[in-house]
PDB file of N, CA and C in Angstrom:
ATOM      1  N   MET A   1     108.891  85.475 106.947  1.00  0.00           N
ATOM      2  CA  MET A   1     108.822  86.521 105.932  1.00  0.00           C
ATOM      3  C   MET A   1     110.204  87.121 105.707  1.00  0.00           C
ATOM      4  N   HIS A   2     110.520  87.403 104.500  1.00  0.00           N
ATOM      5  CA  HIS A   2     111.761  88.066 104.146  1.00  0.00           C
ATOM      6  C   HIS A   2     111.565  89.568 104.298  1.00  0.00           C
ATOM      7  N   GLU A   3     112.518  90.236 104.984  1.00  0.00           N
ATOM      8  CA  GLU A   3     112.378  91.677 105.205  1.00  0.00           C
ATOM      9  C   GLU A   3     112.614  92.451 103.922  1.00  0.00           C
ATOM     10  N   PRO A   4     111.751  93.426 103.611  1.00  0.00           N
ATOM     11  CA  PRO A   4     111.948  94.251 102.424  1.00  0.00           C
ATOM     12  C   PRO A   4     113.096  95.226 102.622  1.00  0.00           C
ATOM     13  N   ALA A   5     113.667  95.687 101.526  1.00  0.00           N
ATOM     14  CA  ALA A   5     114.824  96.589 101.560  1.00  0.00           C
ATOM     15  C   ALA A   5     114.540  97.883 102.300  1.00  0.00           C
ATOM     16  N   TRP A   6     113.298  98.389 102.238  1.00  0.00           N
ATOM     17  CA  TRP A   6     113.022  99.672 102.864  1.00  0.00           C
ATOM     18  C   TRP A   6     113.146  99.617 104.380  1.00  0.00           C
ATOM     19  N   LEU A   7     113.070  98.422 105.000  1.00  0.00           N
ATOM     20  CA  LEU A   7     113.243  98.338 106.452  1.00  0.00           C
ATOM     21  C   LEU A   7     114.675  98.656 106.852  1.00  0.00           C
ATOM     22  N   GLY A   8     115.629  98.371 105.976  1.00  0.00           N
ATOM     23  CA  GLY A   8     117.023  98.643 106.274  1.00  0.00           C
ATOM     24  C   GLY A   8     117.393 100.111 106.170  1.00  0.00           C
ATOM     25  N   SER A   9     116.471 100.959 105.788  1.00  0.00           N
ATOM     26  CA  SER A   9     116.759 102.379 105.599  1.00  0.00           C
ATOM     27  C   SER A   9     116.441 103.200 106.844  1.00  0.00           C
ATOM     28  N   GLY A  10     116.436 102.558 108.002  1.00  0.00           N
ATOM     29  CA  GLY A  10     116.185 103.281 109.237  1.00  0.00           C
ATOM     30  C   GLY A  10     114.729 103.295 109.653  1.00  0.00           C
ATOM     31  N   VAL A  11     113.858 102.686 108.869  1.00  0.00           N
ATOM     32  CA  VAL A  11     112.445 102.607 109.212  1.00  0.00           C
ATOM     33  C   VAL A  11     112.274 101.421 110.147  1.00  0.00           C
ATOM     34  N   PRO A  12     111.648 101.614 111.319  1.00  0.00           N
ATOM     35  CA  PRO A  12     111.479 100.489 112.230  1.00  0.00           C
ATOM     36  C   PRO A  12     110.484  99.457 111.700  1.00  0.00           C
ATOM     37  N   VAL A  13     110.650  98.215 112.148  1.00  0.00           N
ATOM     38  CA  VAL A  13     109.697  97.166 111.790  1.00  0.00           C
ATOM     39  C   VAL A  13     108.345  97.556 112.365  1.00  0.00           C
ATOM     40  N   PRO A  14     107.272  97.513 111.572  1.00  0.00           N
ATOM     41  CA  PRO A  14     105.959  97.897 112.070  1.00  0.00           C
ATOM     42  C   PRO A  14     105.504  96.992 113.210  1.00  0.00           C
ATOM     43  N   LYS A  15     104.751  97.562 114.130  1.00  0.00           N
ATOM     44  CA  LYS A  15     104.239  96.819 115.276  1.00  0.00           C
ATOM     45  C   LYS A  15     103.270  95.724 114.851  1.00  0.00           C
ATOM     46  N   ASP A  16     102.387  96.020 113.931  1.00  0.00           N
ATOM     47  CA  ASP A  16     101.358  95.083 113.485  1.00  0.00           C
ATOM     48  C   ASP A  16     101.427  94.891 111.977  1.00  0.00           C
ATOM     49  N   PRO A  17     102.476  94.204 111.467  1.00  0.00           N
ATOM     50  CA  PRO A  17     102.623  94.100 110.014  1.00  0.00           C
ATOM     51  C   PRO A  17     101.676  93.086 109.388  1.00  0.00           C
ATOM     52  N   GLY A  18     101.392  93.327 108.130  1.00  0.00           N
ATOM     53  CA  GLY A  18     100.620  92.401 107.303  1.00  0.00           C
ATOM     54  C   GLY A  18     101.266  92.329 105.939  1.00  0.00           C
ATOM     55  N   THR A  19     100.669  91.582 105.056  1.00  0.00           N
ATOM     56  CA  THR A  19     101.195  91.379 103.714  1.00  0.00           C
ATOM     57  C   THR A  19     100.134  91.730 102.684  1.00  0.00           C
ATOM     58  N   ILE A  20     100.569  92.383 101.602  1.00  0.00           N
ATOM     59  CA  ILE A  20      99.691  92.674 100.472  1.00  0.00           C
ATOM     60  C   ILE A  20     100.215  91.873  99.282  1.00  0.00           C
ATOM     61  N   VAL A  21      99.341  91.063  98.686  1.00  0.00           N
ATOM     62  CA  VAL A  21      99.694  90.291  97.496  1.00  0.00           C
ATOM     63  C   VAL A  21      98.920  90.893  96.329  1.00  0.00           C
ATOM     64  N   VAL A  22      99.660  91.419  95.352  1.00  0.00           N
ATOM     65  CA  VAL A  22      99.050  92.090  94.207  1.00  0.00           C
ATOM     66  C   VAL A  22      99.226  91.228  92.965  1.00  0.00           C
ATOM     67  N   SER A  23      98.132  91.030  92.242  1.00  0.00           N
ATOM     68  CA  SER A  23      98.145  90.278  90.995  1.00  0.00           C
ATOM     69  C   SER A  23      97.790  91.234  89.858  1.00  0.00           C
ATOM     70  N   VAL A  24      98.615  91.215  88.794  1.00  0.00           N
ATOM     71  CA  VAL A  24      98.347  92.048  87.621  1.00  0.00           C
ATOM     72  C   VAL A  24      98.251  91.138  86.403  1.00  0.00           C
ATOM     73  N   ARG A  25      97.113  91.215  85.713  1.00  0.00           N
ATOM     74  CA  ARG A  25      96.860  90.373  84.546  1.00  0.00           C
ATOM     75  C   ARG A  25      96.321  91.236  83.418  1.00  0.00           C
ATOM     76  N   ASP A  26      96.424  90.713  82.207  1.00  0.00           N
ATOM     77  CA  ASP A  26      95.803  91.411  81.085  1.00  0.00           C
ATOM     78  C   ASP A  26      94.352  90.951  80.978  1.00  0.00           C
ATOM     79  N   SER A  27      93.607  91.535  80.070  1.00  0.00           N
ATOM     80  CA  SER A  27      92.184  91.223  79.960  1.00  0.00           C
ATOM     81  C   SER A  27      91.935  89.779  79.536  1.00  0.00           C
ATOM     82  N   GLY A  28      92.944  89.083  79.053  1.00  0.00           N
ATOM     83  CA  GLY A  28      92.828  87.670  78.704  1.00  0.00           C
ATOM     84  C   GLY A  28      93.206  86.740  79.844  1.00  0.00           C
ATOM     85  N   GLY A  29      93.585  87.309  80.992  1.00  0.00           N
ATOM     86  CA  GLY A  29      93.948  86.499  82.152  1.00  0.00           C
ATOM     87  C   GLY A  29      95.413  86.131  82.242  1.00  0.00           C
ATOM     88  N   ASN A  30      96.239  86.665  81.332  1.00  0.00           N
ATOM     89  CA  ASN A  30      97.674  86.367  81.341  1.00  0.00           C
ATOM     90  C   ASN A  30      98.413  87.293  82.301  1.00  0.00           C
ATOM     91  N   PRO A  31      99.394  86.763  83.047  1.00  0.00           N
ATOM     92  CA  PRO A  31     100.146  87.600  83.981  1.00  0.00           C
ATOM     93  C   PRO A  31     100.988  88.637  83.239  1.00  0.00           C
ATOM     94  N   ILE A  32     101.163  89.791  83.878  1.00  0.00           N
ATOM     95  CA  ILE A  32     102.014  90.847  83.311  1.00  0.00           C
ATOM     96  C   ILE A  32     103.173  91.066  84.273  1.00  0.00           C
ATOM     97  N   ALA A  33     104.378  90.807  83.806  1.00  0.00           N
ATOM     98  CA  ALA A  33     105.583  90.954  84.617  1.00  0.00           C
ATOM     99  C   ALA A  33     106.113  92.381  84.564  1.00  0.00           C
ATOM    100  N   ASN A  34     106.913  92.725  85.571  1.00  0.00           N
ATOM    101  CA  ASN A  34     107.661  93.982  85.637  1.00  0.00           C
ATOM    102  C   ASN A  34     106.774  95.222  85.678  1.00  0.00           C
ATOM    103  N   VAL A  35     105.605  95.108  86.304  1.00  0.00           N
ATOM    104  CA  VAL A  35     104.714  96.255  86.491  1.00  0.00           C
ATOM    105  C   VAL A  35     104.991  96.832  87.876  1.00  0.00           C
ATOM    106  N   GLU A  36     105.158  98.147  87.948  1.00  0.00           N
ATOM    107  CA  GLU A  36     105.421  98.784  89.240  1.00  0.00           C
ATOM    108  C   GLU A  36     104.137  98.860  90.060  1.00  0.00           C
ATOM    109  N   ILE A  37     104.252  98.417  91.321  1.00  0.00           N
ATOM    110  CA  ILE A  37     103.163  98.490  92.289  1.00  0.00           C
ATOM    111  C   ILE A  37     103.619  99.427  93.395  1.00  0.00           C
ATOM    112  N   GLN A  38     102.775 100.354  93.787  1.00  0.00           N
ATOM    113  CA  GLN A  38     103.081 101.259  94.898  1.00  0.00           C
ATOM    114  C   GLN A  38     102.024 101.113  95.982  1.00  0.00           C
ATOM    115  N   VAL A  39     102.483 101.124  97.227  1.00  0.00           N
ATOM    116  CA  VAL A  39     101.581 101.134  98.378  1.00  0.00           C
ATOM    117  C   VAL A  39     101.796 102.467  99.078  1.00  0.00           C
ATOM    118  N   HIS A  40     100.709 103.224  99.213  1.00  0.00           N
ATOM    119  CA  HIS A  40     100.756 104.568  99.792  1.00  0.00           C
ATOM    120  C   HIS A  40     100.140 104.591 101.195  1.00  0.00           C
ATOM    121  N   ASP A  41     100.374 105.694 101.891  1.00  0.00           N
ATOM    122  CA  ASP A  41      99.768 105.976 103.202  1.00  0.00           C
ATOM    123  C   ASP A  41     100.348 105.130 104.329  1.00  0.00           C
ATOM    124  N   ILE A  42     101.618 104.791 104.237  1.00  0.00           N
ATOM    125  CA  ILE A  42     102.277 104.052 105.312  1.00  0.00           C
ATOM    126  C   ILE A  42     102.800 105.067 106.324  1.00  0.00           C
ATOM    127  N   PRO A  43     102.357 104.984 107.575  1.00  0.00           N
ATOM    128  CA  PRO A  43     102.764 105.980 108.564  1.00  0.00           C
ATOM    129  C   PRO A  43     104.227 105.817 108.971  1.00  0.00           C
ATOM    130  N   ASN A  44     104.871 106.959 109.237  1.00  0.00           N
ATOM    131  CA  ASN A  44     106.225 106.908 109.767  1.00  0.00           C
ATOM    132  C   ASN A  44     106.217 107.425 111.208  1.00  0.00           C
ATOM    133  N   THR A  45     107.376 107.550 111.799  1.00  0.00           N
ATOM    134  CA  THR A  45     107.462 107.924 113.211  1.00  0.00           C
ATOM    135  C   THR A  45     107.343 109.417 113.468  1.00  0.00           C
ATOM    136  N   VAL A  46     107.295 110.242 112.426  1.00  0.00           N
ATOM    137  CA  VAL A  46     107.213 111.689 112.627  1.00  0.00           C
ATOM    138  C   VAL A  46     105.843 112.257 112.268  1.00  0.00           C
ATOM    139  N   GLY A  47     104.870 111.378 112.062  1.00  0.00           N
ATOM    140  CA  GLY A  47     103.510 111.844 111.839  1.00  0.00           C
ATOM    141  C   GLY A  47     103.098 112.047 110.395  1.00  0.00           C
ATOM    142  N   SER A  48     103.975 111.732 109.452  1.00  0.00           N
ATOM    143  CA  SER A  48     103.579 111.818 108.047  1.00  0.00           C
ATOM    144  C   SER A  48     103.540 110.401 107.475  1.00  0.00           C
ATOM    145  N   THR A  49     103.432 110.288 106.164  1.00  0.00           N
ATOM    146  CA  THR A  49     103.363 108.975 105.535  1.00  0.00           C
ATOM    147  C   THR A  49     104.382 108.863 104.414  1.00  0.00           C
ATOM    148  N   PHE A  50     104.606 107.627 103.982  1.00  0.00           N
ATOM    149  CA  PHE A  50     105.495 107.394 102.855  1.00  0.00           C
ATOM    150  C   PHE A  50     104.914 106.269 102.011  1.00  0.00           C
ATOM    151  N   SER A  51     105.537 106.007 100.872  1.00  0.00           N
ATOM    152  CA  SER A  51     105.099 104.955  99.950  1.00  0.00           C
ATOM    153  C   SER A  51     106.246 103.981  99.712  1.00  0.00           C
ATOM    154  N   ILE A  52     105.895 102.746  99.382  1.00  0.00           N
ATOM    155  CA  ILE A  52     106.890 101.752  98.983  1.00  0.00           C
ATOM    156  C   ILE A  52     106.485 101.215  97.617  1.00  0.00           C
ATOM    157  N   SER A  53     107.436 100.629  96.900  1.00  0.00           N
ATOM    158  CA  SER A  53     107.098 100.070  95.593  1.00  0.00           C
ATOM    159  C   SER A  53     107.849  98.772  95.361  1.00  0.00           C
ATOM    160  N   GLN A  54     107.302  97.998  94.453  1.00  0.00           N
ATOM    161  CA  GLN A  54     107.900  96.736  94.056  1.00  0.00           C
ATOM    162  C   GLN A  54     107.352  96.401  92.677  1.00  0.00           C
ATOM    163  N   ARG A  55     108.077  95.601  91.908  1.00  0.00           N
ATOM    164  CA  ARG A  55     107.625  95.202  90.576  1.00  0.00           C
ATOM    165  C   ARG A  55     107.096  93.771  90.610  1.00  0.00           C
ATOM    166  N   THR A  56     106.144  93.497  89.722  1.00  0.00           N
ATOM    167  CA  THR A  56     105.609  92.146  89.636  1.00  0.00           C
ATOM    168  C   THR A  56     106.651  91.198  89.056  1.00  0.00           C
ATOM    169  N   ASP A  57     106.559  89.938  89.466  1.00  0.00           N
ATOM    170  CA  ASP A  57     107.471  88.917  88.956  1.00  0.00           C
ATOM    171  C   ASP A  57     106.900  88.307  87.667  1.00  0.00           C
ATOM    172  N   SER A  58     107.496  87.223  87.202  1.00  0.00           N
ATOM    173  CA  SER A  58     107.067  86.606  85.940  1.00  0.00           C
ATOM    174  C   SER A  58     105.654  86.045  86.024  1.00  0.00           C
ATOM    175  N   ARG A  59     105.138  85.845  87.239  1.00  0.00           N
ATOM    176  CA  ARG A  59     103.767  85.361  87.424  1.00  0.00           C
ATOM    177  C   ARG A  59     102.763  86.508  87.535  1.00  0.00           C
ATOM    178  N   GLY A  60     103.257  87.769  87.406  1.00  0.00           N
ATOM    179  CA  GLY A  60     102.378  88.928  87.548  1.00  0.00           C
ATOM    180  C   GLY A  60     102.031  89.217  88.995  1.00  0.00           C
ATOM    181  N   ILE A  61     102.869  88.751  89.929  1.00  0.00           N
ATOM    182  CA  ILE A  61     102.610  88.881  91.361  1.00  0.00           C
ATOM    183  C   ILE A  61     103.672  89.747  92.020  1.00  0.00           C
ATOM    184  N   ALA A  62     103.226  90.606  92.932  1.00  0.00           N
ATOM    185  CA  ALA A  62     104.126  91.349  93.807  1.00  0.00           C
ATOM    186  C   ALA A  62     103.634  91.113  95.234  1.00  0.00           C
ATOM    187  N   GLU A  63     104.522  90.677  96.107  1.00  0.00           N
ATOM    188  CA  GLU A  63     104.170  90.427  97.499  1.00  0.00           C
ATOM    189  C   GLU A  63     104.920  91.433  98.364  1.00  0.00           C
ATOM    190  N   LEU A  64     104.161  92.347  98.954  1.00  0.00           N
ATOM    191  CA  LEU A  64     104.752  93.389  99.781  1.00  0.00           C
ATOM    192  C   LEU A  64     104.517  93.016 101.242  1.00  0.00           C
ATOM    193  N   THR A  65     105.613  92.773 101.957  1.00  0.00           N
ATOM    194  CA  THR A  65     105.536  92.308 103.341  1.00  0.00           C
ATOM    195  C   THR A  65     105.848  93.442 104.316  1.00  0.00           C
ATOM    196  N   TYR A  66     105.535  93.206 105.571  1.00  0.00           N
ATOM    197  CA  TYR A  66     105.803  94.154 106.656  1.00  0.00           C
ATOM    198  C   TYR A  66     105.108  95.493 106.451  1.00  0.00           C
ATOM    199  N   VAL A  67     103.922  95.470 105.860  1.00  0.00           N
ATOM    200  CA  VAL A  67     103.135  96.693 105.693  1.00  0.00           C
ATOM    201  C   VAL A  67     102.307  96.873 106.957  1.00  0.00           C
ATOM    202  N   PRO A  68     102.388  98.034 107.613  1.00  0.00           N
ATOM    203  CA  PRO A  68     101.618  98.232 108.842  1.00  0.00           C
ATOM    204  C   PRO A  68     100.117  98.061 108.609  1.00  0.00           C
ATOM    205  N   ALA A  69      99.461  97.419 109.570  1.00  0.00           N
ATOM    206  CA  ALA A  69      98.012  97.217 109.488  1.00  0.00           C
ATOM    207  C   ALA A  69      97.310  98.569 109.393  1.00  0.00           C
ATOM    208  N   GLY A  70      96.196  98.594 108.675  1.00  0.00           N
ATOM    209  CA  GLY A  70      95.410  99.814 108.500  1.00  0.00           C
ATOM    210  C   GLY A  70      95.028  99.989 107.045  1.00  0.00           C
ATOM    211  N   THR A  71      94.351 101.070 106.759  1.00  0.00           N
ATOM    212  CA  THR A  71      93.904 101.350 105.397  1.00  0.00           C
ATOM    213  C   THR A  71      95.064 101.899 104.574  1.00  0.00           C
ATOM    214  N   ARG A  72      95.312 101.292 103.432  1.00  0.00           N
ATOM    215  CA  ARG A  72      96.390 101.699 102.524  1.00  0.00           C
ATOM    216  C   ARG A  72      95.826 101.785 101.110  1.00  0.00           C
ATOM    217  N   ARG A  73      96.469 102.602 100.279  1.00  0.00           N
ATOM    218  CA  ARG A  73      96.115 102.672  98.862  1.00  0.00           C
ATOM    219  C   ARG A  73      97.161 101.903  98.070  1.00  0.00           C
ATOM    220  N   VAL A  74      96.695 101.023  97.182  1.00  0.00           N
ATOM    221  CA  VAL A  74      97.574 100.251  96.310  1.00  0.00           C
ATOM    222  C   VAL A  74      97.378 100.781  94.895  1.00  0.00           C
ATOM    223  N   GLU A  75      98.488 101.139  94.249  1.00  0.00           N
ATOM    224  CA  GLU A  75      98.434 101.718  92.904  1.00  0.00           C
ATOM    225  C   GLU A  75      99.272 100.894  91.948  1.00  0.00           C
ATOM    226  N   VAL A  76      98.734 100.669  90.762  1.00  0.00           N
ATOM    227  CA  VAL A  76      99.479  99.996  89.707  1.00  0.00           C
ATOM    228  C   VAL A  76      99.878 101.046  88.676  1.00  0.00           C
ATOM    229  N   LYS A  77     101.126 100.973  88.232  1.00  0.00           N
ATOM    230  CA  LYS A  77     101.644 101.896  87.220  1.00  0.00           C
ATOM    231  C   LYS A  77     101.809 101.103  85.922  1.00  0.00           C
ATOM    232  N   PRO A  78     100.842 101.185  85.004  1.00  0.00           N
ATOM    233  CA  PRO A  78     100.901 100.365  83.789  1.00  0.00           C
ATOM    234  C   PRO A  78     102.181 100.590  82.983  1.00  0.00           C
ATOM    235  N   SER A  79     102.713  99.498  82.465  1.00  0.00           N
ATOM    236  CA  SER A  79     103.874  99.572  81.581  1.00  0.00           C
ATOM    237  C   SER A  79     103.433 100.170  80.251  1.00  0.00           C
ATOM    238  N   ALA A  80     104.399 100.578  79.452  1.00  0.00           N
ATOM    239  CA  ALA A  80     104.091 101.115  78.125  1.00  0.00           C
ATOM    240  C   ALA A  80     103.274 100.098  77.348  1.00  0.00           C
ATOM    241  N   GLY A  81     102.237 100.577  76.696  1.00  0.00           N
ATOM    242  CA  GLY A  81     101.395  99.712  75.905  1.00  0.00           C
ATOM    243  C   GLY A  81     100.188  99.173  76.647  1.00  0.00           C
ATOM    244  N   PHE A  82     100.068  99.492  77.937  1.00  0.00           N
ATOM    245  CA  PHE A  82      98.931  99.039  78.736  1.00  0.00           C
ATOM    246  C   PHE A  82      98.205 100.220  79.358  1.00  0.00           C
ATOM    247  N   ARG A  83      96.934 100.002  79.700  1.00  0.00           N
ATOM    248  CA  ARG A  83      96.140 100.995  80.425  1.00  0.00           C
ATOM    249  C   ARG A  83      95.157 100.231  81.315  1.00  0.00           C
ATOM    250  N   ALA A  84      94.504 100.956  82.205  1.00  0.00           N
ATOM    251  CA  ALA A  84      93.522 100.324  83.091  1.00  0.00           C
ATOM    252  C   ALA A  84      92.384  99.759  82.267  1.00  0.00           C
ATOM    253  N   ALA A  85      91.906  98.596  82.646  1.00  0.00           N
ATOM    254  CA  ALA A  85      90.724  98.023  81.997  1.00  0.00           C
ATOM    255  C   ALA A  85      89.511  98.644  82.679  1.00  0.00           C
ATOM    256  N   ALA A  86      88.608  97.857  83.203  1.00  0.00           N
ATOM    257  CA  ALA A  86      87.399  98.382  83.837  1.00  0.00           C
ATOM    258  C   ALA A  86      87.685  98.994  85.202  1.00  0.00           C
ATOM    259  N   ASP A  87      88.718  98.513  85.865  1.00  0.00           N
ATOM    260  CA  ASP A  87      89.014  98.961  87.231  1.00  0.00           C
ATOM    261  C   ASP A  87      89.889 100.197  87.246  1.00  0.00           C
ATOM    262  N   SER A  88      89.925 100.808  88.405  1.00  0.00           N
ATOM    263  CA  SER A  88      90.783 101.955  88.635  1.00  0.00           C
ATOM    264  C   SER A  88      92.231 101.487  88.763  1.00  0.00           C
ATOM    265  N   LEU A  89      93.162 102.409  88.653  1.00  0.00           N
ATOM    266  CA  LEU A  89      94.575 102.099  88.859  1.00  0.00           C
ATOM    267  C   LEU A  89      94.955 102.166  90.337  1.00  0.00           C
ATOM    268  N   ILE A  90      94.020 102.612  91.182  1.00  0.00           N
ATOM    269  CA  ILE A  90      94.258 102.704  92.623  1.00  0.00           C
ATOM    270  C   ILE A  90      93.099 102.026  93.350  1.00  0.00           C
ATOM    271  N   GLN A  91      93.439 101.170  94.306  1.00  0.00           N
ATOM    272  CA  GLN A  91      92.423 100.525  95.139  1.00  0.00           C
ATOM    273  C   GLN A  91      92.778 100.741  96.602  1.00  0.00           C
ATOM    274  N   SER A  92      91.782 101.026  97.404  1.00  0.00           N
ATOM    275  CA  SER A  92      91.962 101.174  98.844  1.00  0.00           C
ATOM    276  C   SER A  92      91.694  99.818  99.492  1.00  0.00           C
ATOM    277  N   ILE A  93      92.621  99.388 100.347  1.00  0.00           N
ATOM    278  CA  ILE A  93      92.470  98.083 101.003  1.00  0.00           C
ATOM    279  C   ILE A  93      92.777  98.227 102.489  1.00  0.00           C
ATOM    280  N   ASP A  94      92.339  97.257 103.258  1.00  0.00           N
ATOM    281  CA  ASP A  94      92.642  97.203 104.690  1.00  0.00           C
ATOM    282  C   ASP A  94      93.649  96.097 104.932  1.00  0.00           C
ATOM    283  N   VAL A  95      94.866  96.487 105.355  1.00  0.00           N
ATOM    284  CA  VAL A  95      95.894  95.515 105.695  1.00  0.00           C
ATOM    285  C   VAL A  95      95.551  94.962 107.073  1.00  0.00           C
ATOM    286  N   ILE A  96      95.608  93.642 107.198  1.00  0.00           N
ATOM    287  CA  ILE A  96      95.222  92.958 108.423  1.00  0.00           C
ATOM    288  C   ILE A  96      96.475  92.552 109.202  1.00  0.00           C
ATOM    289  N   LYS A  97      96.468  92.824 110.500  1.00  0.00           N
ATOM    290  CA  LYS A  97      97.587  92.456 111.376  1.00  0.00           C
ATOM    291  C   LYS A  97      97.897  90.970 111.240  1.00  0.00           C
ATOM    292  N   HIS A  98      99.144  90.657 110.901  1.00  0.00           N
ATOM    293  CA  HIS A  98      99.655  89.296 110.747  1.00  0.00           C
ATOM    294  C   HIS A  98      98.880  88.485 109.708  1.00  0.00           C
ATOM    295  N   GLY A  99      98.167  89.172 108.807  1.00  0.00           N
ATOM    296  CA  GLY A  99      97.395  88.493 107.764  1.00  0.00           C
ATOM    297  C   GLY A  99      97.872  88.896 106.389  1.00  0.00           C
ATOM    298  N   SER A 100      97.183  88.376 105.407  1.00  0.00           N
ATOM    299  CA  SER A 100      97.502  88.663 104.015  1.00  0.00           C
ATOM    300  C   SER A 100      96.224  89.093 103.311  1.00  0.00           C
ATOM    301  N   VAL A 101      96.323  90.133 102.496  1.00  0.00           N
ATOM    302  CA  VAL A 101      95.187  90.604 101.714  1.00  0.00           C
ATOM    303  C   VAL A 101      95.609  90.633 100.246  1.00  0.00           C
ATOM    304  N   SER A 102      94.710  90.199  99.381  1.00  0.00           N
ATOM    305  CA  SER A 102      95.008  90.137  97.945  1.00  0.00           C
ATOM    306  C   SER A 102      94.306  91.264  97.197  1.00  0.00           C
ATOM    307  N   VAL A 103      95.000  91.801  96.199  1.00  0.00           N
ATOM    308  CA  VAL A 103      94.462  92.857  95.356  1.00  0.00           C
ATOM    309  C   VAL A 103      94.739  92.452  93.908  1.00  0.00           C
ATOM    310  N   ALA A 104      93.741  92.588  93.042  1.00  0.00           N
ATOM    311  CA  ALA A 104      93.919  92.216  91.638  1.00  0.00           C
ATOM    312  C   ALA A 104      93.661  93.421  90.740  1.00  0.00           C
ATOM    313  N   PHE A 105      94.509  93.578  89.748  1.00  0.00           N
ATOM    314  CA  PHE A 105      94.347  94.622  88.746  1.00  0.00           C
ATOM    315  C   PHE A 105      94.307  93.962  87.367  1.00  0.00           C
ATOM    316  N   VAL A 106      93.460  94.500  86.485  1.00  0.00           N
ATOM    317  CA  VAL A 106      93.400  94.030  85.103  1.00  0.00           C
ATOM    318  C   VAL A 106      93.772  95.198  84.196  1.00  0.00           C
ATOM    319  N   LEU A 107      94.750  94.954  83.333  1.00  0.00           N
ATOM    320  CA  LEU A 107      95.182  95.964  82.376  1.00  0.00           C
ATOM    321  C   LEU A 107      94.855  95.472  80.978  1.00  0.00           C
ATOM    322  N   GLU A 108      94.624  96.397  80.081  1.00  0.00           N
ATOM    323  CA  GLU A 108      94.388  95.996  78.692  1.00  0.00           C
ATOM    324  C   GLU A 108      95.426  96.655  77.800  1.00  0.00           C
ATOM    325  N   ARG A 109      95.713  95.984  76.728  1.00  0.00           N
ATOM    326  CA  ARG A 109      96.693  96.519  75.766  1.00  0.00           C
ATOM    327  C   ARG A 109      96.078  97.703  75.026  1.00  0.00           C
ATOM    328  N   GLN A 110      96.892  98.698  74.772  1.00  0.00           N
ATOM    329  CA  GLN A 110      96.414  99.885  74.049  1.00  0.00           C
ATOM    330  C   GLN A 110      96.535  99.682  72.564  1.00  0.00           C
TER     331      GLN A 110
END
């Protein structure tokens, strides 16, 4: 796994990391690039939490690595001209130690 930039900011490597793979598509099934994805509720060493973010690539995929195992909230921030389709913009997921969990969001054009 390639280390994300936020690990270099003094945050220690998580003891039990996992990976979140986020897919963002439009209602026709086409990938949406450059959509901001945020993962919330990541614990730090002082007892509070922080969030990380990444943008989807040309395939509509964002792969967030080294996320500590546990329950996390994944949020999609629609680009201009898009809004949530049937689903919410935030999904709660369980990151699995040394595993990968997939999350899919569908956006529709406004």
